[in-house]
Amino acid sequence: MPSLVAGQRFQIRPLTVHDVVKDYDAVVGSMDALRDRFGPEWGWPAPQFTFEQALIDVAWLQKEGQLRRSFSYAVTTPDEERQLGRIHVAPSDEPDADAVVVFWVRSDQDDPTLEKEMEEFVREWVVTSWPFETVRFPGRELR
């Protein structure tokens, strides 16, 4: 499990409960886009998504990483002042894939090219830094 990956405009590191304030801000600032992408399949985020629920979610994701069952990462600006999104890497339930990688970039950020840059980075990172042969990207079409 990589612990820190730095790109030119963002860095990726394991998500912890210390990220909950910035994570909640990123989720709330992207509610409609996240519901459109993940709501039909996972029902997330719920319409009544609260700060308390965010704390529970982030703590659970951190624990999953400690148990090495799945891995969640905060995507932040290089100075860590703002969370730009999240990445989740988990085993696949489907027999045709080793892993499932879900990621998103907050929809209220100013740079429309960041999501495409992030997607290219994540797809390359998963192939070069993880021991997977076949990866699914739910919520994303191949481009």
C-alpha atoms as a PDB file:
ATOM      1  CA  MET A   1       0.000   0.000   0.000  1.00  0.00           C
ATOM      2  CA  PRO A   2       1.676   3.236  -1.093  1.00  0.00           C
ATOM      3  CA  SER A   3       1.661   5.820   1.703  1.00  0.00           C
ATOM      4  CA  LEU A   4       2.311   9.071  -0.185  1.00  0.00           C
ATOM      5  CA  VAL A   5       2.157   9.832  -3.859  1.00  0.00           C
ATOM      6  CA  ALA A   6       2.834  13.366  -4.997  1.00  0.00           C
ATOM      7  CA  GLY A   7       1.805  14.787  -8.333  1.00  0.00           C
ATOM      8  CA  GLN A   8       2.519  18.272  -9.554  1.00  0.00           C
ATOM      9  CA  ARG A   9      -0.854  19.712  -8.526  1.00  0.00           C
ATOM     10  CA  PHE A  10      -1.969  17.267  -5.843  1.00  0.00           C
ATOM     11  CA  GLN A  11      -0.809  14.638  -3.407  1.00  0.00           C
ATOM     12  CA  ILE A  12      -2.374  11.379  -2.312  1.00  0.00           C
ATOM     13  CA  ARG A  13      -1.984   9.924   1.165  1.00  0.00           C
ATOM     14  CA  PRO A  14      -3.985   7.588   3.417  1.00  0.00           C
ATOM     15  CA  LEU A  15      -7.227   9.075   4.710  1.00  0.00           C
ATOM     16  CA  THR A  16      -7.447   9.443   8.509  1.00  0.00           C
ATOM     17  CA  VAL A  17      -9.938  10.850  11.006  1.00  0.00           C
ATOM     18  CA  HIS A  18      -7.797  13.993  11.072  1.00  0.00           C
ATOM     19  CA  ASP A  19      -9.087  14.671   7.543  1.00  0.00           C
ATOM     20  CA  VAL A  20     -12.769  14.683   8.490  1.00  0.00           C
ATOM     21  CA  VAL A  21     -13.291  18.475   8.382  1.00  0.00           C
ATOM     22  CA  LYS A  22     -11.748  18.873   4.926  1.00  0.00           C
ATOM     23  CA  ASP A  23     -13.298  15.609   3.707  1.00  0.00           C
ATOM     24  CA  TYR A  24     -16.765  16.696   4.828  1.00  0.00           C
ATOM     25  CA  ASP A  25     -16.279  20.031   3.064  1.00  0.00           C
ATOM     26  CA  ALA A  26     -15.267  18.215  -0.144  1.00  0.00           C
ATOM     27  CA  VAL A  27     -18.284  15.884   0.021  1.00  0.00           C
ATOM     28  CA  VAL A  28     -20.781  18.661   0.815  1.00  0.00           C
ATOM     29  CA  GLY A  29     -19.340  20.810  -1.982  1.00  0.00           C
ATOM     30  CA  SER A  30     -19.896  17.939  -4.419  1.00  0.00           C
ATOM     31  CA  MET A  31     -23.170  16.366  -3.210  1.00  0.00           C
ATOM     32  CA  ASP A  32     -25.089  16.489  -6.491  1.00  0.00           C
ATOM     33  CA  ALA A  33     -22.209  15.172  -8.585  1.00  0.00           C
ATOM     34  CA  LEU A  34     -21.433  12.414  -6.069  1.00  0.00           C
ATOM     35  CA  ARG A  35     -25.087  11.344  -5.868  1.00  0.00           C
ATOM     36  CA  ASP A  36     -25.290  11.253  -9.669  1.00  0.00           C
ATOM     37  CA  ARG A  37     -22.174   9.094  -9.890  1.00  0.00           C
ATOM     38  CA  PHE A  38     -22.445   6.820  -6.832  1.00  0.00           C
ATOM     39  CA  GLY A  39     -25.969   7.188  -5.461  1.00  0.00           C
ATOM     40  CA  PRO A  40     -27.779   4.755  -7.771  1.00  0.00           C
ATOM     41  CA  GLU A  41     -25.395   1.891  -6.931  1.00  0.00           C
ATOM     42  CA  TRP A  42     -24.336   2.677  -3.349  1.00  0.00           C
ATOM     43  CA  GLY A  43     -26.787   5.288  -2.049  1.00  0.00           C
ATOM     44  CA  TRP A  44     -23.912   7.602  -1.135  1.00  0.00           C
ATOM     45  CA  PRO A  45     -23.899  10.297  -0.014  1.00  0.00           C
ATOM     46  CA  ALA A  46     -27.279  10.201   1.667  1.00  0.00           C
ATOM     47  CA  PRO A  47     -29.382  13.387   1.421  1.00  0.00           C
ATOM     48  CA  GLN A  48     -29.078  13.855   5.199  1.00  0.00           C
ATOM     49  CA  PHE A  49     -25.284  13.385   5.202  1.00  0.00           C
ATOM     50  CA  THR A  50     -24.104  14.984   8.451  1.00  0.00           C
ATOM     51  CA  PHE A  51     -20.724  15.786   9.925  1.00  0.00           C
ATOM     52  CA  GLU A  52     -21.239  12.949  12.420  1.00  0.00           C
ATOM     53  CA  GLN A  53     -21.867  10.529   9.542  1.00  0.00           C
ATOM     54  CA  ALA A  54     -18.730  11.812   7.815  1.00  0.00           C
ATOM     55  CA  LEU A  55     -16.702  11.127  10.966  1.00  0.00           C
ATOM     56  CA  ILE A  56     -18.077   7.580  11.167  1.00  0.00           C
ATOM     57  CA  ASP A  57     -17.353   6.979   7.470  1.00  0.00           C
ATOM     58  CA  VAL A  58     -13.803   8.329   7.604  1.00  0.00           C
ATOM     59  CA  ALA A  59     -13.008   6.384  10.802  1.00  0.00           C
ATOM     60  CA  TRP A  60     -14.352   3.206   9.215  1.00  0.00           C
ATOM     61  CA  LEU A  61     -12.278   3.783   6.067  1.00  0.00           C
ATOM     62  CA  GLN A  62      -9.166   4.358   8.189  1.00  0.00           C
ATOM     63  CA  LYS A  63      -9.806   1.114  10.100  1.00  0.00           C
ATOM     64  CA  GLU A  64     -10.294  -0.812   6.851  1.00  0.00           C
ATOM     65  CA  GLY A  65      -6.839   0.388   5.789  1.00  0.00           C
ATOM     66  CA  GLN A  66      -5.272  -0.635   9.103  1.00  0.00           C
ATOM     67  CA  LEU A  67      -6.791  -4.101   8.645  1.00  0.00           C
ATOM     68  CA  ARG A  68      -5.545  -4.097   5.016  1.00  0.00           C
ATOM     69  CA  ARG A  69      -9.025  -4.904   3.683  1.00  0.00           C
ATOM     70  CA  SER A  70      -9.353  -1.759   1.542  1.00  0.00           C
ATOM     71  CA  PHE A  71      -7.413   1.457   1.182  1.00  0.00           C
ATOM     72  CA  SER A  72      -8.724   5.020   1.102  1.00  0.00           C
ATOM     73  CA  TYR A  73      -6.731   8.097   0.230  1.00  0.00           C
ATOM     74  CA  ALA A  74      -7.243  11.821   0.609  1.00  0.00           C
ATOM     75  CA  VAL A  75      -6.359  13.780  -2.499  1.00  0.00           C
ATOM     76  CA  THR A  76      -5.143  17.195  -1.391  1.00  0.00           C
ATOM     77  CA  THR A  77      -3.442  20.250  -2.732  1.00  0.00           C
ATOM     78  CA  PRO A  78       0.356  19.939  -2.342  1.00  0.00           C
ATOM     79  CA  ASP A  79       0.227  22.157   0.761  1.00  0.00           C
ATOM     80  CA  GLU A  80      -2.692  20.068   2.177  1.00  0.00           C
ATOM     81  CA  GLU A  81      -4.789  23.199   2.655  1.00  0.00           C
ATOM     82  CA  ARG A  82      -7.693  21.772   0.656  1.00  0.00           C
ATOM     83  CA  GLN A  83      -8.969  18.289   0.010  1.00  0.00           C
ATOM     84  CA  LEU A  84      -9.635  17.825  -3.683  1.00  0.00           C
ATOM     85  CA  GLY A  85     -11.225  14.387  -3.548  1.00  0.00           C
ATOM     86  CA  ARG A  86     -10.756  10.778  -2.535  1.00  0.00           C
ATOM     87  CA  ILE A  87      -9.561   7.436  -3.887  1.00  0.00           C
ATOM     88  CA  HIS A  88     -10.657   3.982  -2.682  1.00  0.00           C
ATOM     89  CA  VAL A  89      -8.886   0.763  -3.633  1.00  0.00           C
ATOM     90  CA  ALA A  90     -10.645  -2.464  -2.664  1.00  0.00           C
ATOM     91  CA  PRO A  91     -10.820  -6.129  -3.653  1.00  0.00           C
ATOM     92  CA  SER A  92     -13.368  -6.818  -6.376  1.00  0.00           C
ATOM     93  CA  ASP A  93     -16.468  -8.882  -5.696  1.00  0.00           C
ATOM     94  CA  GLU A  94     -16.542  -9.754  -9.382  1.00  0.00           C
ATOM     95  CA  PRO A  95     -14.447 -12.717 -10.601  1.00  0.00           C
ATOM     96  CA  ASP A  96     -13.264 -10.817 -13.701  1.00  0.00           C
ATOM     97  CA  ALA A  97     -11.255  -8.234 -11.725  1.00  0.00           C
ATOM     98  CA  ASP A  98      -8.669  -8.181  -8.927  1.00  0.00           C
ATOM     99  CA  ALA A  99      -9.638  -4.781  -7.583  1.00  0.00           C
ATOM    100  CA  VAL A 100     -12.123  -1.950  -7.737  1.00  0.00           C
ATOM    101  CA  VAL A 101     -10.870   1.628  -7.714  1.00  0.00           C
ATOM    102  CA  VAL A 102     -13.328   4.417  -7.033  1.00  0.00           C
ATOM    103  CA  PHE A 103     -12.252   8.043  -7.056  1.00  0.00           C
ATOM    104  CA  TRP A 104     -13.723  11.479  -7.324  1.00  0.00           C
ATOM    105  CA  VAL A 105     -12.657  15.086  -7.518  1.00  0.00           C
ATOM    106  CA  ARG A 106     -14.726  17.757  -5.804  1.00  0.00           C
ATOM    107  CA  SER A 107     -17.064  19.466  -8.222  1.00  0.00           C
ATOM    108  CA  ASP A 108     -16.778  22.925  -6.641  1.00  0.00           C
ATOM    109  CA  GLN A 109     -13.117  23.422  -7.488  1.00  0.00           C
ATOM    110  CA  ASP A 110     -12.082  25.988 -10.084  1.00  0.00           C
ATOM    111  CA  ASP A 111      -9.975  23.939 -12.489  1.00  0.00           C
ATOM    112  CA  PRO A 112     -11.972  21.831 -14.961  1.00  0.00           C
ATOM    113  CA  THR A 113      -8.828  19.994 -16.141  1.00  0.00           C
ATOM    114  CA  LEU A 114      -8.035  18.609 -12.679  1.00  0.00           C
ATOM    115  CA  GLU A 115     -10.478  15.692 -12.900  1.00  0.00           C
ATOM    116  CA  LYS A 116      -9.038  14.470 -16.213  1.00  0.00           C
ATOM    117  CA  GLU A 117      -5.476  14.845 -14.887  1.00  0.00           C
ATOM    118  CA  MET A 118      -6.471  12.980 -11.736  1.00  0.00           C
ATOM    119  CA  GLU A 119      -8.098  10.164 -13.688  1.00  0.00           C
ATOM    120  CA  GLU A 120      -5.013   9.681 -15.867  1.00  0.00           C
ATOM    121  CA  PHE A 121      -2.806   9.720 -12.780  1.00  0.00           C
ATOM    122  CA  VAL A 122      -4.948   7.230 -10.834  1.00  0.00           C
ATOM    123  CA  ARG A 123      -5.211   4.775 -13.735  1.00  0.00           C
ATOM    124  CA  GLU A 124      -1.423   4.833 -14.188  1.00  0.00           C
ATOM    125  CA  TRP A 125      -0.740   4.656 -10.425  1.00  0.00           C
ATOM    126  CA  VAL A 126      -2.959   1.604  -9.981  1.00  0.00           C
ATOM    127  CA  VAL A 127      -1.194  -0.225 -12.802  1.00  0.00           C
ATOM    128  CA  THR A 128       2.369   0.666 -11.778  1.00  0.00           C
ATOM    129  CA  SER A 129       2.206   0.682  -7.956  1.00  0.00           C
ATOM    130  CA  TRP A 130      -0.300  -2.039  -7.107  1.00  0.00           C
ATOM    131  CA  PRO A 131      -0.109  -5.814  -7.731  1.00  0.00           C
ATOM    132  CA  PHE A 132      -3.293  -6.018  -9.830  1.00  0.00           C
ATOM    133  CA  GLU A 133      -3.804  -7.440 -13.284  1.00  0.00           C
ATOM    134  CA  THR A 134      -7.395  -6.362 -13.854  1.00  0.00           C
ATOM    135  CA  VAL A 135      -8.995  -3.322 -12.235  1.00  0.00           C
ATOM    136  CA  ARG A 136     -12.577  -2.066 -12.485  1.00  0.00           C
ATOM    137  CA  PHE A 137     -13.385   1.659 -12.178  1.00  0.00           C
ATOM    138  CA  PRO A 138     -17.077   1.893 -11.168  1.00  0.00           C
ATOM    139  CA  GLY A 139     -18.658   5.213 -12.018  1.00  0.00           C
ATOM    140  CA  ARG A 140     -16.142   5.822 -14.818  1.00  0.00           C
ATOM    141  CA  GLU A 141     -16.277   4.980 -18.473  1.00  0.00           C
ATOM    142  CA  LEU A 142     -13.031   4.151 -20.238  1.00  0.00           C
ATOM    143  CA  ARG A 143     -11.852   7.188 -22.146  1.00  0.00           C
END
